[in-house]
Amino acid sequence: MSDTPARVSVRILEKEYQISCPPEERSALLDSAEFLNARMREIRDGGKVVGLDRIAVIAALNMANELLRIRQSDTHLESEVGGRLRILRERVESALEKGQQLEL
């Protein structure tokens, strides 16, 4: 892959932005811009928030909140899976010590 950043044009709420990014990240950037544009349109079309900067801040806060909730959920899930794996490993080790066949 080339080390030269690519210039990518994205349109968010009828405003054009030129973004520089590695060529291999172009697709992800376009997807992100499309996602952000959709979120900002929802907020704008809701009619309760006026002004591009305010719409952008509300969209950013909403997405940050979602990200933090997902991270918290992932942490909880990892902890739960880790606990289950530990119990399963202990059962396997115990069965191996006793020379028994383990029934899962």
N, C-alpha and C. Protein backbone atom coordinates (compact mmCIF):
# COMPACT_ATOMS: atom_id res chain seq x y z
N MET A 1 0.83 -1.18 0.00
CA MET A 1 0.00 0.00 0.00
C MET A 1 0.88 1.25 0.00
N SER A 2 0.34 2.29 -0.54
CA SER A 2 1.07 3.55 -0.61
C SER A 2 1.02 4.28 0.72
N ASP A 3 2.13 4.95 1.05
CA ASP A 3 2.17 5.74 2.29
C ASP A 3 1.59 7.12 2.09
N THR A 4 1.33 7.50 0.84
CA THR A 4 0.82 8.83 0.54
C THR A 4 -0.65 8.91 0.89
N PRO A 5 -1.03 9.86 1.77
CA PRO A 5 -2.44 9.99 2.13
C PRO A 5 -3.29 10.39 0.91
N ALA A 6 -4.49 9.88 0.87
CA ALA A 6 -5.42 10.21 -0.20
C ALA A 6 -6.32 11.35 0.27
N ARG A 7 -6.69 12.23 -0.65
CA ARG A 7 -7.64 13.30 -0.35
C ARG A 7 -9.04 12.76 -0.67
N VAL A 8 -9.89 12.76 0.32
CA VAL A 8 -11.24 12.24 0.15
C VAL A 8 -12.22 13.37 0.42
N SER A 9 -13.19 13.49 -0.46
CA SER A 9 -14.22 14.51 -0.31
C SER A 9 -15.46 13.87 0.31
N VAL A 10 -15.93 14.44 1.42
CA VAL A 10 -17.16 13.95 2.05
C VAL A 10 -18.13 15.12 2.17
N ARG A 11 -19.41 14.80 2.13
CA ARG A 11 -20.45 15.83 2.21
C ARG A 11 -21.30 15.54 3.43
N ILE A 12 -21.35 16.51 4.33
CA ILE A 12 -22.14 16.37 5.55
C ILE A 12 -23.03 17.59 5.68
N LEU A 13 -24.33 17.36 5.72
CA LEU A 13 -25.33 18.42 5.77
C LEU A 13 -25.07 19.50 4.72
N GLU A 14 -24.96 19.05 3.48
CA GLU A 14 -24.79 19.91 2.31
C GLU A 14 -23.51 20.74 2.34
N LYS A 15 -22.56 20.37 3.17
CA LYS A 15 -21.28 21.06 3.21
C LYS A 15 -20.18 20.06 2.86
N GLU A 16 -19.28 20.49 1.98
CA GLU A 16 -18.20 19.63 1.49
C GLU A 16 -16.96 19.78 2.37
N TYR A 17 -16.35 18.63 2.69
CA TYR A 17 -15.12 18.60 3.49
C TYR A 17 -14.09 17.76 2.76
N GLN A 18 -12.86 18.24 2.73
CA GLN A 18 -11.74 17.49 2.16
C GLN A 18 -10.96 16.89 3.32
N ILE A 19 -10.85 15.57 3.33
CA ILE A 19 -10.19 14.87 4.42
C ILE A 19 -9.02 14.09 3.84
N SER A 20 -7.92 14.09 4.54
CA SER A 20 -6.75 13.32 4.14
C SER A 20 -6.69 12.06 4.99
N CYS A 21 -6.53 10.91 4.32
CA CYS A 21 -6.44 9.65 5.06
C CYS A 21 -5.64 8.64 4.24
N PRO A 22 -5.12 7.61 4.91
CA PRO A 22 -4.42 6.56 4.18
C PRO A 22 -5.38 5.89 3.18
N PRO A 23 -4.89 5.52 2.02
CA PRO A 23 -5.77 4.91 1.00
C PRO A 23 -6.56 3.71 1.49
N GLU A 24 -5.94 2.90 2.36
CA GLU A 24 -6.64 1.70 2.84
C GLU A 24 -7.79 2.03 3.80
N GLU A 25 -7.86 3.28 4.28
CA GLU A 25 -8.93 3.68 5.19
C GLU A 25 -10.02 4.50 4.51
N ARG A 26 -9.90 4.66 3.19
CA ARG A 26 -10.85 5.49 2.45
C ARG A 26 -12.29 5.00 2.61
N SER A 27 -12.49 3.72 2.44
CA SER A 27 -13.84 3.15 2.54
C SER A 27 -14.43 3.36 3.93
N ALA A 28 -13.63 3.14 4.96
CA ALA A 28 -14.11 3.34 6.33
C ALA A 28 -14.44 4.81 6.59
N LEU A 29 -13.64 5.72 6.03
CA LEU A 29 -13.91 7.15 6.18
C LEU A 29 -15.24 7.51 5.52
N LEU A 30 -15.47 7.01 4.32
CA LEU A 30 -16.72 7.31 3.63
C LEU A 30 -17.92 6.74 4.39
N ASP A 31 -17.78 5.54 4.93
CA ASP A 31 -18.86 4.95 5.73
C ASP A 31 -19.12 5.79 6.98
N SER A 32 -18.05 6.24 7.63
CA SER A 32 -18.19 7.06 8.83
C SER A 32 -18.87 8.38 8.52
N ALA A 33 -18.48 9.00 7.41
CA ALA A 33 -19.09 10.27 7.02
C ALA A 33 -20.57 10.09 6.71
N GLU A 34 -20.91 8.99 6.06
CA GLU A 34 -22.31 8.71 5.75
C GLU A 34 -23.12 8.50 7.03
N PHE A 35 -22.54 7.78 7.96
CA PHE A 35 -23.20 7.54 9.25
C PHE A 35 -23.41 8.86 10.00
N LEU A 36 -22.36 9.68 10.06
CA LEU A 36 -22.46 10.97 10.74
C LEU A 36 -23.49 11.86 10.06
N ASN A 37 -23.48 11.89 8.75
CA ASN A 37 -24.44 12.71 8.01
C ASN A 37 -25.87 12.29 8.35
N ALA A 38 -26.12 10.99 8.39
CA ALA A 38 -27.47 10.49 8.71
C ALA A 38 -27.88 10.91 10.12
N ARG A 39 -26.96 10.78 11.07
CA ARG A 39 -27.27 11.17 12.45
C ARG A 39 -27.55 12.66 12.56
N MET A 40 -26.73 13.45 11.89
CA MET A 40 -26.92 14.90 11.96
C MET A 40 -28.23 15.31 11.27
N ARG A 41 -28.60 14.64 10.19
CA ARG A 41 -29.88 14.92 9.53
C ARG A 41 -31.05 14.61 10.47
N GLU A 42 -30.96 13.48 11.18
CA GLU A 42 -32.02 13.12 12.13
C GLU A 42 -32.21 14.23 13.16
N ILE A 43 -31.10 14.72 13.69
CA ILE A 43 -31.17 15.77 14.71
C ILE A 43 -31.73 17.05 14.11
N ARG A 44 -31.21 17.43 12.95
CA ARG A 44 -31.69 18.66 12.30
C ARG A 44 -33.17 18.55 11.97
N ASP A 45 -33.58 17.41 11.41
CA ASP A 45 -34.97 17.24 10.99
C ASP A 45 -35.91 17.12 12.19
N GLY A 46 -35.36 16.80 13.36
CA GLY A 46 -36.18 16.77 14.57
C GLY A 46 -36.63 18.17 14.97
N GLY A 47 -35.92 19.18 14.50
CA GLY A 47 -36.33 20.57 14.70
C GLY A 47 -36.05 21.18 16.05
N LYS A 48 -35.46 20.43 16.97
CA LYS A 48 -35.23 20.97 18.31
C LYS A 48 -33.87 21.63 18.44
N VAL A 49 -32.94 21.32 17.51
CA VAL A 49 -31.58 21.87 17.58
C VAL A 49 -31.33 22.65 16.29
N VAL A 50 -30.85 23.89 16.46
CA VAL A 50 -30.58 24.74 15.31
C VAL A 50 -29.10 25.11 15.28
N GLY A 51 -28.53 25.12 14.12
CA GLY A 51 -27.14 25.51 13.95
C GLY A 51 -26.26 24.30 13.75
N LEU A 52 -25.41 24.38 12.71
CA LEU A 52 -24.56 23.27 12.36
C LEU A 52 -23.66 22.83 13.51
N ASP A 53 -23.08 23.79 14.22
CA ASP A 53 -22.17 23.43 15.32
C ASP A 53 -22.91 22.73 16.44
N ARG A 54 -24.09 23.17 16.77
CA ARG A 54 -24.88 22.52 17.82
C ARG A 54 -25.32 21.12 17.40
N ILE A 55 -25.73 21.00 16.15
CA ILE A 55 -26.13 19.68 15.63
C ILE A 55 -24.94 18.72 15.70
N ALA A 56 -23.75 19.21 15.31
CA ALA A 56 -22.56 18.36 15.34
C ALA A 56 -22.22 17.94 16.76
N VAL A 57 -22.33 18.84 17.72
CA VAL A 57 -22.02 18.51 19.12
C VAL A 57 -23.01 17.50 19.66
N ILE A 58 -24.29 17.68 19.38
CA ILE A 58 -25.31 16.73 19.86
C ILE A 58 -25.07 15.36 19.22
N ALA A 59 -24.78 15.32 17.92
CA ALA A 59 -24.50 14.04 17.26
C ALA A 59 -23.27 13.38 17.88
N ALA A 60 -22.23 14.16 18.13
CA ALA A 60 -21.01 13.61 18.74
C ALA A 60 -21.29 13.08 20.14
N LEU A 61 -22.06 13.80 20.92
CA LEU A 61 -22.41 13.34 22.27
C LEU A 61 -23.22 12.05 22.23
N ASN A 62 -24.18 11.98 21.32
CA ASN A 62 -24.99 10.77 21.19
C ASN A 62 -24.14 9.57 20.80
N MET A 63 -23.24 9.76 19.84
CA MET A 63 -22.39 8.66 19.39
C MET A 63 -21.38 8.27 20.46
N ALA A 64 -20.86 9.25 21.20
CA ALA A 64 -19.93 8.94 22.29
C ALA A 64 -20.64 8.14 23.37
N ASN A 65 -21.87 8.51 23.67
CA ASN A 65 -22.66 7.78 24.66
C ASN A 65 -22.88 6.33 24.22
N GLU A 66 -23.23 6.15 22.95
CA GLU A 66 -23.42 4.79 22.43
C GLU A 66 -22.13 3.98 22.51
N LEU A 67 -21.02 4.61 22.14
CA LEU A 67 -19.73 3.92 22.20
C LEU A 67 -19.39 3.49 23.62
N LEU A 68 -19.60 4.38 24.59
CA LEU A 68 -19.31 4.04 25.98
C LEU A 68 -20.21 2.92 26.49
N ARG A 69 -21.46 2.93 26.09
CA ARG A 69 -22.37 1.84 26.48
C ARG A 69 -21.93 0.51 25.88
N ILE A 70 -21.51 0.53 24.63
CA ILE A 70 -21.05 -0.69 23.97
C ILE A 70 -19.79 -1.20 24.66
N ARG A 71 -18.86 -0.30 24.96
CA ARG A 71 -17.63 -0.71 25.65
C ARG A 71 -17.94 -1.31 27.01
N GLN A 72 -18.87 -0.70 27.74
CA GLN A 72 -19.25 -1.21 29.05
C GLN A 72 -19.89 -2.59 28.91
N SER A 73 -20.74 -2.75 27.91
CA SER A 73 -21.39 -4.04 27.66
C SER A 73 -20.35 -5.09 27.29
N ASP A 74 -19.38 -4.71 26.44
CA ASP A 74 -18.32 -5.63 26.05
C ASP A 74 -17.49 -6.06 27.26
N THR A 75 -17.19 -5.12 28.15
CA THR A 75 -16.41 -5.43 29.35
C THR A 75 -17.18 -6.42 30.22
N HIS A 76 -18.48 -6.20 30.38
CA HIS A 76 -19.31 -7.10 31.17
C HIS A 76 -19.34 -8.49 30.52
N LEU A 77 -19.49 -8.52 29.20
CA LEU A 77 -19.54 -9.79 28.48
C LEU A 77 -18.22 -10.54 28.60
N GLU A 78 -17.10 -9.82 28.46
CA GLU A 78 -15.79 -10.44 28.59
C GLU A 78 -15.62 -11.05 29.98
N SER A 79 -16.07 -10.33 30.99
CA SER A 79 -15.97 -10.82 32.36
C SER A 79 -16.81 -12.08 32.55
N GLU A 80 -18.02 -12.06 32.00
CA GLU A 80 -18.90 -13.22 32.12
C GLU A 80 -18.33 -14.42 31.38
N VAL A 81 -17.84 -14.21 30.18
CA VAL A 81 -17.26 -15.30 29.39
C VAL A 81 -16.01 -15.84 30.09
N GLY A 82 -15.20 -14.93 30.64
CA GLY A 82 -14.00 -15.35 31.36
C GLY A 82 -14.35 -16.24 32.55
N GLY A 83 -15.41 -15.87 33.27
CA GLY A 83 -15.85 -16.68 34.41
C GLY A 83 -16.32 -18.05 33.98
N ARG A 84 -17.06 -18.10 32.90
CA ARG A 84 -17.55 -19.39 32.40
C ARG A 84 -16.39 -20.26 31.90
N LEU A 85 -15.44 -19.64 31.24
CA LEU A 85 -14.27 -20.41 30.77
C LEU A 85 -13.47 -20.96 31.94
N ARG A 86 -13.33 -20.17 33.00
CA ARG A 86 -12.60 -20.62 34.18
C ARG A 86 -13.29 -21.83 34.79
N ILE A 87 -14.61 -21.79 34.91
CA ILE A 87 -15.37 -22.92 35.47
C ILE A 87 -15.22 -24.15 34.59
N LEU A 88 -15.30 -23.96 33.28
CA LEU A 88 -15.15 -25.08 32.35
C LEU A 88 -13.75 -25.68 32.44
N ARG A 89 -12.73 -24.83 32.51
CA ARG A 89 -11.35 -25.31 32.63
C ARG A 89 -11.18 -26.11 33.92
N GLU A 90 -11.76 -25.62 35.02
CA GLU A 90 -11.67 -26.33 36.30
C GLU A 90 -12.35 -27.69 36.22
N ARG A 91 -13.48 -27.77 35.53
CA ARG A 91 -14.17 -29.05 35.37
C ARG A 91 -13.34 -30.02 34.54
N VAL A 92 -12.73 -29.50 33.48
CA VAL A 92 -11.88 -30.35 32.63
C VAL A 92 -10.69 -30.86 33.42
N GLU A 93 -10.02 -29.96 34.15
CA GLU A 93 -8.85 -30.36 34.94
C GLU A 93 -9.23 -31.37 36.01
N SER A 94 -10.35 -31.14 36.65
CA SER A 94 -10.81 -32.07 37.69
C SER A 94 -11.09 -33.44 37.10
N ALA A 95 -11.76 -33.47 35.94
CA ALA A 95 -12.08 -34.74 35.30
C ALA A 95 -10.82 -35.46 34.86
N LEU A 96 -9.86 -34.71 34.35
CA LEU A 96 -8.60 -35.32 33.91
C LEU A 96 -7.84 -35.90 35.10
N GLU A 97 -7.87 -35.21 36.23
CA GLU A 97 -7.20 -35.71 37.42
C GLU A 97 -7.82 -37.01 37.90
N LYS A 98 -9.13 -37.12 37.77
CA LYS A 98 -9.83 -38.31 38.24
C LYS A 98 -9.86 -39.40 37.18
N GLY A 99 -9.41 -39.06 35.98
CA GLY A 99 -9.40 -40.04 34.90
C GLY A 99 -10.80 -40.35 34.40
N GLN A 100 -11.70 -39.41 34.57
CA GLN A 100 -13.07 -39.61 34.15
C GLN A 100 -13.30 -38.95 32.80
N GLN A 101 -14.39 -39.41 32.16
CA GLN A 101 -14.79 -38.76 30.94
C GLN A 101 -15.71 -37.60 31.32
N LEU A 102 -15.46 -36.47 30.72
CA LEU A 102 -16.23 -35.26 31.03
C LEU A 102 -17.45 -35.19 30.15
N GLU A 103 -18.59 -34.91 30.76
CA GLU A 103 -19.82 -34.74 30.01
C GLU A 103 -20.14 -33.26 29.94
N LEU A 104 -20.18 -32.72 28.74
CA LEU A 104 -20.48 -31.30 28.55
C LEU A 104 -21.92 -31.20 28.27
